[in-house]
Amino acid sequence: MCESEYVAYRTYMYVSKYVVKGKLKSALEKALNDELRHYRFWSEISKGCGGLKTSMKVLALFLLSILFGVTVLVKVLERAEGDASDLYERLSKESPELSEVLKAMAEDENRHESEFASSIDEVRVKYLSSITLGVSDAIIELTGVYTGALGMLESTKTAGTIGLLAGISASVSMAAASYAQAKHEVWKKPYLAAVYTGSSYLAVVSLLALPYFLTQSLLTAFAIMVANAVLVIAYISVYGAILLGKSFLKEFFSNVALLLGISTALYALGRALGIAILE
């Protein structure tokens, strides 16, 4: 318990520094003070804890907050808080002499959960559906373009340019569609929905197009493009798994299977059209 409390304390301390204001900052500051108290209690019993392994855990959680946002980090820590609360309650029954202290700790952990739940208000989580829409559509569209190019074109730059132009045009179209849809959703601001959908679409388009300007081999560029698409799918699947309680593996593999299925079908179509046109 000493190590887990220390990890929680250091993580809350780092994250609270770049959460500027609001309920979440207040909740993080209260939580870090509680976790520091818990850590000191267990440290006295266990004669200290820490080390490289603990520091690596703190670093991993901090990087998680940078890559996925504070909300995802808080959700991960919430689960740990719930586990800690259950453990403290069980230990309080097994160790009557520490019962009062352990019950107080369990109450702290339960309070953290409820305070975090009521204070989370991260913009990118609010517009996660808009981001997912942009990312998913970009992956499907660009994969289709580049798979077809694999069967018809010989120049990587030509294929890359075609995909980039198609993606930029589609990103504007998707942003406009997202804006129109958000006008009918009370809690969304249409312009923000448009920005998140369009920018996420454009980011994926740029990532998938990049290999075609770095190599002269269509097959190599296509392989890197597919690898990039799989990484983006994994990134989005993490959000679904943590925020929505979905199975990461199920989300990830179903989306990858869809990607590969579309790629195979469109390659066959592009190849057939390429042969027909050349003949």
C-alpha atoms as a PDB file:
ATOM      1  CA  MET A   1       0.000   0.000   0.000  1.00  0.00           C
ATOM      2  CA  CYS A   2       2.916   2.330   0.678  1.00  0.00           C
ATOM      3  CA  GLU A   3       3.995   2.248  -2.964  1.00  0.00           C
ATOM      4  CA  SER A   4       0.484   2.721  -4.409  1.00  0.00           C
ATOM      5  CA  GLU A   5      -0.200   5.681  -2.108  1.00  0.00           C
ATOM      6  CA  TYR A   6       3.131   7.248  -3.052  1.00  0.00           C
ATOM      7  CA  VAL A   7       2.390   6.784  -6.784  1.00  0.00           C
ATOM      8  CA  ALA A   8      -1.043   8.374  -6.358  1.00  0.00           C
ATOM      9  CA  TYR A   9       0.386  11.292  -4.375  1.00  0.00           C
ATOM     10  CA  ARG A  10       3.148  12.087  -6.880  1.00  0.00           C
ATOM     11  CA  THR A  11       0.796  11.711  -9.847  1.00  0.00           C
ATOM     12  CA  TYR A  12      -1.822  14.035  -8.356  1.00  0.00           C
ATOM     13  CA  MET A  13       0.922  16.520  -7.500  1.00  0.00           C
ATOM     14  CA  TYR A  14       2.299  16.652 -11.054  1.00  0.00           C
ATOM     15  CA  VAL A  15      -1.088  16.745 -12.772  1.00  0.00           C
ATOM     16  CA  SER A  16      -2.511  19.432 -10.458  1.00  0.00           C
ATOM     17  CA  LYS A  17       0.277  21.767 -11.571  1.00  0.00           C
ATOM     18  CA  TYR A  18      -0.979  21.998 -15.149  1.00  0.00           C
ATOM     19  CA  VAL A  19      -4.704  21.894 -14.358  1.00  0.00           C
ATOM     20  CA  VAL A  20      -5.053  25.671 -14.109  1.00  0.00           C
ATOM     21  CA  LYS A  21      -8.308  26.143 -12.235  1.00  0.00           C
ATOM     22  CA  GLY A  22     -11.788  24.831 -11.503  1.00  0.00           C
ATOM     23  CA  LYS A  23     -13.296  22.025  -9.481  1.00  0.00           C
ATOM     24  CA  LEU A  24     -10.865  19.440 -10.830  1.00  0.00           C
ATOM     25  CA  LYS A  25      -7.799  21.343  -9.595  1.00  0.00           C
ATOM     26  CA  SER A  26      -9.380  21.661  -6.148  1.00  0.00           C
ATOM     27  CA  ALA A  27     -10.249  17.935  -6.120  1.00  0.00           C
ATOM     28  CA  LEU A  28      -6.698  16.998  -7.179  1.00  0.00           C
ATOM     29  CA  GLU A  29      -5.126  19.188  -4.483  1.00  0.00           C
ATOM     30  CA  LYS A  30      -7.350  17.653  -1.784  1.00  0.00           C
ATOM     31  CA  ALA A  31      -6.567  14.171  -3.064  1.00  0.00           C
ATOM     32  CA  LEU A  32      -2.803  14.703  -3.110  1.00  0.00           C
ATOM     33  CA  ASN A  33      -2.864  15.915   0.511  1.00  0.00           C
ATOM     34  CA  ASP A  34      -4.856  12.845   1.532  1.00  0.00           C
ATOM     35  CA  GLU A  35      -2.554  10.513  -0.404  1.00  0.00           C
ATOM     36  CA  LEU A  36       0.506  12.143   1.169  1.00  0.00           C
ATOM     37  CA  ARG A  37      -0.952  11.462   4.609  1.00  0.00           C
ATOM     38  CA  HIS A  38      -1.724   7.855   3.625  1.00  0.00           C
ATOM     39  CA  TYR A  39       1.777   7.416   2.215  1.00  0.00           C
ATOM     40  CA  ARG A  40       3.417   8.688   5.405  1.00  0.00           C
ATOM     41  CA  PHE A  41       1.294   6.309   7.483  1.00  0.00           C
ATOM     42  CA  TRP A  42       2.280   3.240   5.422  1.00  0.00           C
ATOM     43  CA  SER A  43       5.862   4.439   5.085  1.00  0.00           C
ATOM     44  CA  GLU A  44       6.286   4.368   8.877  1.00  0.00           C
ATOM     45  CA  ILE A  45       4.876   0.843   9.024  1.00  0.00           C
ATOM     46  CA  SER A  46       6.906  -0.515   6.099  1.00  0.00           C
ATOM     47  CA  LYS A  47      10.031   1.539   6.867  1.00  0.00           C
ATOM     48  CA  GLY A  48       9.914   3.432   3.600  1.00  0.00           C
ATOM     49  CA  CYS A  49       9.137   2.649  -0.020  1.00  0.00           C
ATOM     50  CA  GLY A  50       9.885   4.008  -3.456  1.00  0.00           C
ATOM     51  CA  GLY A  51      12.712   3.371  -5.886  1.00  0.00           C
ATOM     52  CA  LEU A  52      13.080   3.192  -9.662  1.00  0.00           C
ATOM     53  CA  LYS A  53      10.018   0.981 -10.199  1.00  0.00           C
ATOM     54  CA  THR A  54       7.793   3.444  -8.354  1.00  0.00           C
ATOM     55  CA  SER A  55       9.228   6.420 -10.235  1.00  0.00           C
ATOM     56  CA  MET A  56       8.590   4.649 -13.549  1.00  0.00           C
ATOM     57  CA  LYS A  57       4.943   4.096 -12.569  1.00  0.00           C
ATOM     58  CA  VAL A  58       4.566   7.807 -11.793  1.00  0.00           C
ATOM     59  CA  LEU A  59       6.201   8.723 -15.116  1.00  0.00           C
ATOM     60  CA  ALA A  60       3.933   6.308 -17.017  1.00  0.00           C
ATOM     61  CA  LEU A  61       0.808   7.830 -15.459  1.00  0.00           C
ATOM     62  CA  PHE A  62       2.032  11.358 -16.159  1.00  0.00           C
ATOM     63  CA  LEU A  63       2.665  10.468 -19.815  1.00  0.00           C
ATOM     64  CA  LEU A  64      -0.808   8.924 -19.918  1.00  0.00           C
ATOM     65  CA  SER A  65      -2.278  12.290 -18.880  1.00  0.00           C
ATOM     66  CA  ILE A  66      -0.309  14.066 -21.631  1.00  0.00           C
ATOM     67  CA  LEU A  67      -1.302  11.604 -24.360  1.00  0.00           C
ATOM     68  CA  PHE A  68      -4.933  11.080 -23.389  1.00  0.00           C
ATOM     69  CA  GLY A  69      -5.817  13.977 -21.122  1.00  0.00           C
ATOM     70  CA  VAL A  70      -6.503  14.428 -17.435  1.00  0.00           C
ATOM     71  CA  THR A  71      -9.930  12.785 -17.628  1.00  0.00           C
ATOM     72  CA  VAL A  72      -8.502   9.450 -18.776  1.00  0.00           C
ATOM     73  CA  LEU A  73      -5.854   9.596 -16.049  1.00  0.00           C
ATOM     74  CA  VAL A  74      -8.467  10.383 -13.408  1.00  0.00           C
ATOM     75  CA  LYS A  75     -10.612   7.466 -14.616  1.00  0.00           C
ATOM     76  CA  VAL A  76      -7.634   5.126 -14.250  1.00  0.00           C
ATOM     77  CA  LEU A  77      -6.870   6.469 -10.785  1.00  0.00           C
ATOM     78  CA  GLU A  78     -10.556   6.259  -9.816  1.00  0.00           C
ATOM     79  CA  ARG A  79     -10.430   2.513 -10.344  1.00  0.00           C
ATOM     80  CA  ALA A  80      -7.335   2.321  -8.159  1.00  0.00           C
ATOM     81  CA  GLU A  81      -9.108   4.432  -5.525  1.00  0.00           C
ATOM     82  CA  GLY A  82     -12.034   2.001  -5.530  1.00  0.00           C
ATOM     83  CA  ASP A  83      -9.694  -0.979  -5.109  1.00  0.00           C
ATOM     84  CA  ALA A  84      -7.838   0.805  -2.287  1.00  0.00           C
ATOM     85  CA  SER A  85     -11.101   1.622  -0.515  1.00  0.00           C
ATOM     86  CA  ASP A  86     -12.189  -2.037  -0.599  1.00  0.00           C
ATOM     87  CA  LEU A  87      -8.793  -3.133   0.686  1.00  0.00           C
ATOM     88  CA  TYR A  88      -8.828  -0.638   3.554  1.00  0.00           C
ATOM     89  CA  GLU A  89     -12.284  -1.753   4.620  1.00  0.00           C
ATOM     90  CA  ARG A  90     -11.179  -5.385   4.581  1.00  0.00           C
ATOM     91  CA  LEU A  91      -7.981  -4.617   6.514  1.00  0.00           C
ATOM     92  CA  SER A  92      -9.930  -2.643   9.116  1.00  0.00           C
ATOM     93  CA  LYS A  93     -11.800  -5.851   9.987  1.00  0.00           C
ATOM     94  CA  GLU A  94      -8.624  -7.916  10.071  1.00  0.00           C
ATOM     95  CA  SER A  95      -6.651  -5.371  12.151  1.00  0.00           C
ATOM     96  CA  PRO A  96      -8.927  -3.958  14.906  1.00  0.00           C
ATOM     97  CA  GLU A  97      -6.086  -1.842  16.334  1.00  0.00           C
ATOM     98  CA  LEU A  98      -5.889   0.093  13.036  1.00  0.00           C
ATOM     99  CA  SER A  99      -9.609   0.028  12.356  1.00  0.00           C
ATOM    100  CA  GLU A 100     -10.271   3.732  12.909  1.00  0.00           C
ATOM    101  CA  VAL A 101      -7.360   4.909  10.741  1.00  0.00           C
ATOM    102  CA  LEU A 102      -8.115   2.470   7.924  1.00  0.00           C
ATOM    103  CA  LYS A 103     -11.808   3.360   7.856  1.00  0.00           C
ATOM    104  CA  ALA A 104     -10.859   7.035   7.589  1.00  0.00           C
ATOM    105  CA  MET A 105      -8.572   6.194   4.672  1.00  0.00           C
ATOM    106  CA  ALA A 106     -11.351   4.223   2.987  1.00  0.00           C
ATOM    107  CA  GLU A 107     -13.639   7.245   3.355  1.00  0.00           C
ATOM    108  CA  ASP A 108     -10.945   9.450   1.783  1.00  0.00           C
ATOM    109  CA  GLU A 109     -10.688   7.127  -1.230  1.00  0.00           C
ATOM    110  CA  ASN A 110     -14.473   7.030  -1.679  1.00  0.00           C
ATOM    111  CA  ARG A 111     -14.630  10.817  -1.437  1.00  0.00           C
ATOM    112  CA  HIS A 112     -11.952  11.157  -4.116  1.00  0.00           C
ATOM    113  CA  GLU A 113     -14.051   9.059  -6.482  1.00  0.00           C
ATOM    114  CA  SER A 114     -17.174  11.182  -6.017  1.00  0.00           C
ATOM    115  CA  GLU A 115     -15.271  14.486  -6.195  1.00  0.00           C
ATOM    116  CA  PHE A 116     -13.493  13.479  -9.389  1.00  0.00           C
ATOM    117  CA  ALA A 117     -16.733  12.308 -10.974  1.00  0.00           C
ATOM    118  CA  SER A 118     -18.410  15.674 -10.309  1.00  0.00           C
ATOM    119  CA  SER A 119     -15.449  17.835 -11.337  1.00  0.00           C
ATOM    120  CA  ILE A 120     -14.383  16.340 -14.683  1.00  0.00           C
ATOM    121  CA  ASP A 121     -15.136  18.809 -17.474  1.00  0.00           C
ATOM    122  CA  GLU A 122     -12.477  18.313 -20.160  1.00  0.00           C
ATOM    123  CA  VAL A 123     -13.403  19.754 -23.565  1.00  0.00           C
ATOM    124  CA  ARG A 124     -11.905  17.015 -25.705  1.00  0.00           C
ATOM    125  CA  VAL A 125     -13.894  14.393 -23.778  1.00  0.00           C
ATOM    126  CA  LYS A 126     -17.117  16.353 -24.354  1.00  0.00           C
ATOM    127  CA  TYR A 127     -16.398  16.303 -28.068  1.00  0.00           C
ATOM    128  CA  LEU A 128     -15.021  12.769 -28.180  1.00  0.00           C
ATOM    129  CA  SER A 129     -17.814  11.701 -30.537  1.00  0.00           C
ATOM    130  CA  SER A 130     -16.820  14.490 -32.956  1.00  0.00           C
ATOM    131  CA  ILE A 131     -13.164  13.486 -32.779  1.00  0.00           C
ATOM    132  CA  THR A 132     -13.991   9.816 -33.258  1.00  0.00           C
ATOM    133  CA  LEU A 133     -16.169  10.678 -36.247  1.00  0.00           C
ATOM    134  CA  GLY A 134     -13.323  12.590 -37.896  1.00  0.00           C
ATOM    135  CA  VAL A 135     -10.705   9.947 -37.130  1.00  0.00           C
ATOM    136  CA  SER A 136     -12.814   6.960 -38.204  1.00  0.00           C
ATOM    137  CA  ASP A 137     -13.967   8.533 -41.445  1.00  0.00           C
ATOM    138  CA  ALA A 138     -10.443   9.686 -42.326  1.00  0.00           C
ATOM    139  CA  ILE A 139      -9.006   6.201 -41.767  1.00  0.00           C
ATOM    140  CA  ILE A 140     -11.660   4.540 -43.932  1.00  0.00           C
ATOM    141  CA  GLU A 141     -11.490   7.128 -46.729  1.00  0.00           C
ATOM    142  CA  LEU A 142      -7.702   7.427 -46.930  1.00  0.00           C
ATOM    143  CA  THR A 143      -7.197   3.691 -46.626  1.00  0.00           C
ATOM    144  CA  GLY A 144      -9.556   3.300 -49.570  1.00  0.00           C
ATOM    145  CA  VAL A 145      -7.696   5.889 -51.645  1.00  0.00           C
ATOM    146  CA  TYR A 146      -4.252   4.433 -50.957  1.00  0.00           C
ATOM    147  CA  THR A 147      -5.336   0.828 -51.368  1.00  0.00           C
ATOM    148  CA  GLY A 148      -6.819   1.667 -54.747  1.00  0.00           C
ATOM    149  CA  ALA A 149      -3.623   3.543 -55.658  1.00  0.00           C
ATOM    150  CA  LEU A 150      -1.597   0.428 -54.843  1.00  0.00           C
ATOM    151  CA  GLY A 151      -3.350  -1.364 -57.667  1.00  0.00           C
ATOM    152  CA  MET A 152      -3.395   1.492 -60.187  1.00  0.00           C
ATOM    153  CA  LEU A 153      -0.537   3.992 -59.673  1.00  0.00           C
ATOM    154  CA  GLU A 154       3.255   3.671 -59.757  1.00  0.00           C
ATOM    155  CA  SER A 155       4.335   6.994 -58.201  1.00  0.00           C
ATOM    156  CA  THR A 156       4.239   7.389 -54.409  1.00  0.00           C
ATOM    157  CA  LYS A 157       4.143  11.192 -54.643  1.00  0.00           C
ATOM    158  CA  THR A 158       1.197  11.065 -57.038  1.00  0.00           C
ATOM    159  CA  ALA A 159      -0.639   8.691 -54.701  1.00  0.00           C
ATOM    160  CA  GLY A 160       0.270  10.820 -51.689  1.00  0.00           C
ATOM    161  CA  THR A 161      -0.890  14.024 -53.346  1.00  0.00           C
ATOM    162  CA  ILE A 162      -4.180  12.476 -54.442  1.00  0.00           C
ATOM    163  CA  GLY A 163      -4.852  11.207 -50.936  1.00  0.00           C
ATOM    164  CA  LEU A 164      -3.866  14.503 -49.346  1.00  0.00           C
ATOM    165  CA  LEU A 165      -6.104  16.562 -51.619  1.00  0.00           C
ATOM    166  CA  ALA A 166      -9.021  14.152 -51.162  1.00  0.00           C
ATOM    167  CA  GLY A 167      -8.503  14.226 -47.391  1.00  0.00           C
ATOM    168  CA  ILE A 168      -8.326  18.019 -47.127  1.00  0.00           C
ATOM    169  CA  SER A 169     -11.506  18.367 -49.156  1.00  0.00           C
ATOM    170  CA  ALA A 170     -13.246  15.689 -47.073  1.00  0.00           C
ATOM    171  CA  SER A 171     -12.127  17.297 -43.793  1.00  0.00           C
ATOM    172  CA  VAL A 172     -13.916  20.525 -44.732  1.00  0.00           C
ATOM    173  CA  SER A 173     -17.011  18.549 -45.690  1.00  0.00           C
ATOM    174  CA  MET A 174     -16.947  16.554 -42.436  1.00  0.00           C
ATOM    175  CA  ALA A 175     -16.475  19.720 -40.364  1.00  0.00           C
ATOM    176  CA  ALA A 176     -19.504  21.285 -42.030  1.00  0.00           C
ATOM    177  CA  ALA A 177     -21.572  18.150 -41.419  1.00  0.00           C
ATOM    178  CA  SER A 178     -20.483  18.062 -37.765  1.00  0.00           C
ATOM    179  CA  TYR A 179     -21.416  21.739 -37.375  1.00  0.00           C
ATOM    180  CA  ALA A 180     -24.895  21.094 -38.772  1.00  0.00           C
ATOM    181  CA  GLN A 181     -25.391  18.051 -36.543  1.00  0.00           C
ATOM    182  CA  ALA A 182     -24.210  19.857 -33.391  1.00  0.00           C
ATOM    183  CA  LYS A 183     -26.802  22.602 -33.901  1.00  0.00           C
ATOM    184  CA  HIS A 184     -29.408  20.028 -32.855  1.00  0.00           C
ATOM    185  CA  GLU A 185     -27.504  18.960 -29.734  1.00  0.00           C
ATOM    186  CA  VAL A 186     -28.099  21.318 -26.801  1.00  0.00           C
ATOM    187  CA  TRP A 187     -24.866  20.703 -24.875  1.00  0.00           C
ATOM    188  CA  LYS A 188     -22.544  21.062 -27.888  1.00  0.00           C
ATOM    189  CA  LYS A 189     -21.191  24.240 -29.439  1.00  0.00           C
ATOM    190  CA  PRO A 190     -21.427  23.791 -33.227  1.00  0.00           C
ATOM    191  CA  TYR A 191     -18.195  25.609 -34.033  1.00  0.00           C
ATOM    192  CA  LEU A 192     -16.224  23.481 -31.537  1.00  0.00           C
ATOM    193  CA  ALA A 193     -17.742  20.285 -32.907  1.00  0.00           C
ATOM    194  CA  ALA A 194     -16.716  21.400 -36.401  1.00  0.00           C
ATOM    195  CA  VAL A 195     -13.190  22.284 -35.269  1.00  0.00           C
ATOM    196  CA  TYR A 196     -12.657  18.959 -33.476  1.00  0.00           C
ATOM    197  CA  THR A 197     -14.064  16.881 -36.334  1.00  0.00           C
ATOM    198  CA  GLY A 198     -12.191  18.778 -39.052  1.00  0.00           C
ATOM    199  CA  SER A 199      -8.872  18.998 -37.206  1.00  0.00           C
ATOM    200  CA  SER A 200      -8.895  15.328 -36.176  1.00  0.00           C
ATOM    201  CA  TYR A 201      -9.727  14.358 -39.763  1.00  0.00           C
ATOM    202  CA  LEU A 202      -6.914  16.535 -41.109  1.00  0.00           C
ATOM    203  CA  ALA A 203      -4.417  15.192 -38.548  1.00  0.00           C
ATOM    204  CA  VAL A 204      -5.132  11.593 -39.569  1.00  0.00           C
ATOM    205  CA  VAL A 205      -5.001  12.515 -43.269  1.00  0.00           C
ATOM    206  CA  SER A 206      -1.550  14.079 -42.782  1.00  0.00           C
ATOM    207  CA  LEU A 207      -0.270  11.081 -40.799  1.00  0.00           C
ATOM    208  CA  LEU A 208      -1.466   8.574 -43.396  1.00  0.00           C
ATOM    209  CA  ALA A 209      -0.178  10.636 -46.338  1.00  0.00           C
ATOM    210  CA  LEU A 210       3.293  11.229 -44.863  1.00  0.00           C
ATOM    211  CA  PRO A 211       4.881   7.863 -45.856  1.00  0.00           C
ATOM    212  CA  TYR A 212       4.111   8.499 -49.521  1.00  0.00           C
ATOM    213  CA  PHE A 213       6.421  11.536 -49.506  1.00  0.00           C
ATOM    214  CA  LEU A 214       9.233   9.745 -47.675  1.00  0.00           C
ATOM    215  CA  THR A 215       9.737   6.669 -49.873  1.00  0.00           C
ATOM    216  CA  GLN A 216       9.553   5.739 -53.543  1.00  0.00           C
ATOM    217  CA  SER A 217       8.137   2.284 -52.902  1.00  0.00           C
ATOM    218  CA  LEU A 218       4.349   2.120 -53.040  1.00  0.00           C
ATOM    219  CA  LEU A 219       4.334  -1.142 -51.076  1.00  0.00           C
ATOM    220  CA  THR A 220       6.552   0.308 -48.311  1.00  0.00           C
ATOM    221  CA  ALA A 221       4.484   3.494 -48.125  1.00  0.00           C
ATOM    222  CA  PHE A 222       1.279   1.465 -47.971  1.00  0.00           C
ATOM    223  CA  ALA A 223       2.640  -0.782 -45.198  1.00  0.00           C
ATOM    224  CA  ILE A 224       3.667   2.252 -43.101  1.00  0.00           C
ATOM    225  CA  MET A 225       0.302   3.899 -43.780  1.00  0.00           C
ATOM    226  CA  VAL A 226      -1.544   0.800 -42.520  1.00  0.00           C
ATOM    227  CA  ALA A 227       0.714   0.676 -39.434  1.00  0.00           C
ATOM    228  CA  ASN A 228      -0.074   4.346 -38.722  1.00  0.00           C
ATOM    229  CA  ALA A 229      -3.788   3.652 -39.143  1.00  0.00           C
ATOM    230  CA  VAL A 230      -3.556   0.744 -36.664  1.00  0.00           C
ATOM    231  CA  LEU A 231      -1.806   3.025 -34.142  1.00  0.00           C
ATOM    232  CA  VAL A 232      -4.575   5.615 -34.480  1.00  0.00           C
ATOM    233  CA  ILE A 233      -7.195   2.890 -33.998  1.00  0.00           C
ATOM    234  CA  ALA A 234      -5.379   1.753 -30.847  1.00  0.00           C
ATOM    235  CA  TYR A 235      -5.322   5.340 -29.556  1.00  0.00           C
ATOM    236  CA  ILE A 236      -9.070   5.800 -30.053  1.00  0.00           C
ATOM    237  CA  SER A 237      -9.774   2.336 -28.611  1.00  0.00           C
ATOM    238  CA  VAL A 238      -8.053   3.344 -25.358  1.00  0.00           C
ATOM    239  CA  TYR A 239     -10.562   6.179 -24.959  1.00  0.00           C
ATOM    240  CA  GLY A 240     -13.483   3.821 -25.507  1.00  0.00           C
ATOM    241  CA  ALA A 241     -12.075   1.268 -23.075  1.00  0.00           C
ATOM    242  CA  ILE A 242     -11.389   3.717 -20.249  1.00  0.00           C
ATOM    243  CA  LEU A 243     -14.133   6.316 -20.592  1.00  0.00           C
ATOM    244  CA  LEU A 244     -16.983   4.123 -21.808  1.00  0.00           C
ATOM    245  CA  GLY A 245     -16.056   0.870 -20.083  1.00  0.00           C
ATOM    246  CA  LYS A 246     -15.702  -1.034 -23.359  1.00  0.00           C
ATOM    247  CA  SER A 247     -13.304  -3.903 -24.022  1.00  0.00           C
ATOM    248  CA  PHE A 248     -10.095  -2.509 -25.528  1.00  0.00           C
ATOM    249  CA  LEU A 249      -9.249  -5.727 -27.375  1.00  0.00           C
ATOM    250  CA  LYS A 250     -12.754  -6.074 -28.799  1.00  0.00           C
ATOM    251  CA  GLU A 251     -12.825  -2.455 -29.999  1.00  0.00           C
ATOM    252  CA  PHE A 252      -9.294  -2.612 -31.368  1.00  0.00           C
ATOM    253  CA  PHE A 253      -9.503  -5.916 -33.234  1.00  0.00           C
ATOM    254  CA  SER A 254     -12.973  -5.257 -34.680  1.00  0.00           C
ATOM    255  CA  ASN A 255     -11.805  -1.921 -36.100  1.00  0.00           C
ATOM    256  CA  VAL A 256      -8.552  -3.390 -37.420  1.00  0.00           C
ATOM    257  CA  ALA A 257     -10.496  -6.247 -39.041  1.00  0.00           C
ATOM    258  CA  LEU A 258     -12.769  -3.678 -40.704  1.00  0.00           C
ATOM    259  CA  LEU A 259      -9.735  -1.737 -41.925  1.00  0.00           C
ATOM    260  CA  LEU A 260      -8.036  -4.815 -43.368  1.00  0.00           C
ATOM    261  CA  GLY A 261     -11.267  -6.055 -44.935  1.00  0.00           C
ATOM    262  CA  ILE A 262     -11.859  -2.755 -46.700  1.00  0.00           C
ATOM    263  CA  SER A 263      -8.210  -2.626 -47.782  1.00  0.00           C
ATOM    264  CA  THR A 264      -8.382  -6.097 -49.310  1.00  0.00           C
ATOM    265  CA  ALA A 265     -11.627  -5.403 -51.180  1.00  0.00           C
ATOM    266  CA  LEU A 266     -10.468  -2.037 -52.525  1.00  0.00           C
ATOM    267  CA  TYR A 267      -7.077  -3.406 -53.559  1.00  0.00           C
ATOM    268  CA  ALA A 268      -8.808  -6.054 -55.640  1.00  0.00           C
ATOM    269  CA  LEU A 269     -11.068  -3.389 -57.164  1.00  0.00           C
ATOM    270  CA  GLY A 270      -8.154  -1.039 -57.877  1.00  0.00           C
ATOM    271  CA  ARG A 271      -6.146  -3.852 -59.407  1.00  0.00           C
ATOM    272  CA  ALA A 272      -9.022  -4.869 -61.625  1.00  0.00           C
ATOM    273  CA  LEU A 273      -9.618  -1.281 -62.766  1.00  0.00           C
ATOM    274  CA  GLY A 274      -5.904  -0.782 -63.349  1.00  0.00           C
ATOM    275  CA  ILE A 275      -5.722  -3.844 -65.591  1.00  0.00           C
ATOM    276  CA  ALA A 276      -8.905  -2.815 -67.438  1.00  0.00           C
ATOM    277  CA  ILE A 277      -7.655   0.714 -68.062  1.00  0.00           C
ATOM    278  CA  LEU A 278      -4.194  -0.371 -69.173  1.00  0.00           C
ATOM    279  CA  GLU A 279      -5.679  -2.888 -71.562  1.00  0.00           C
END
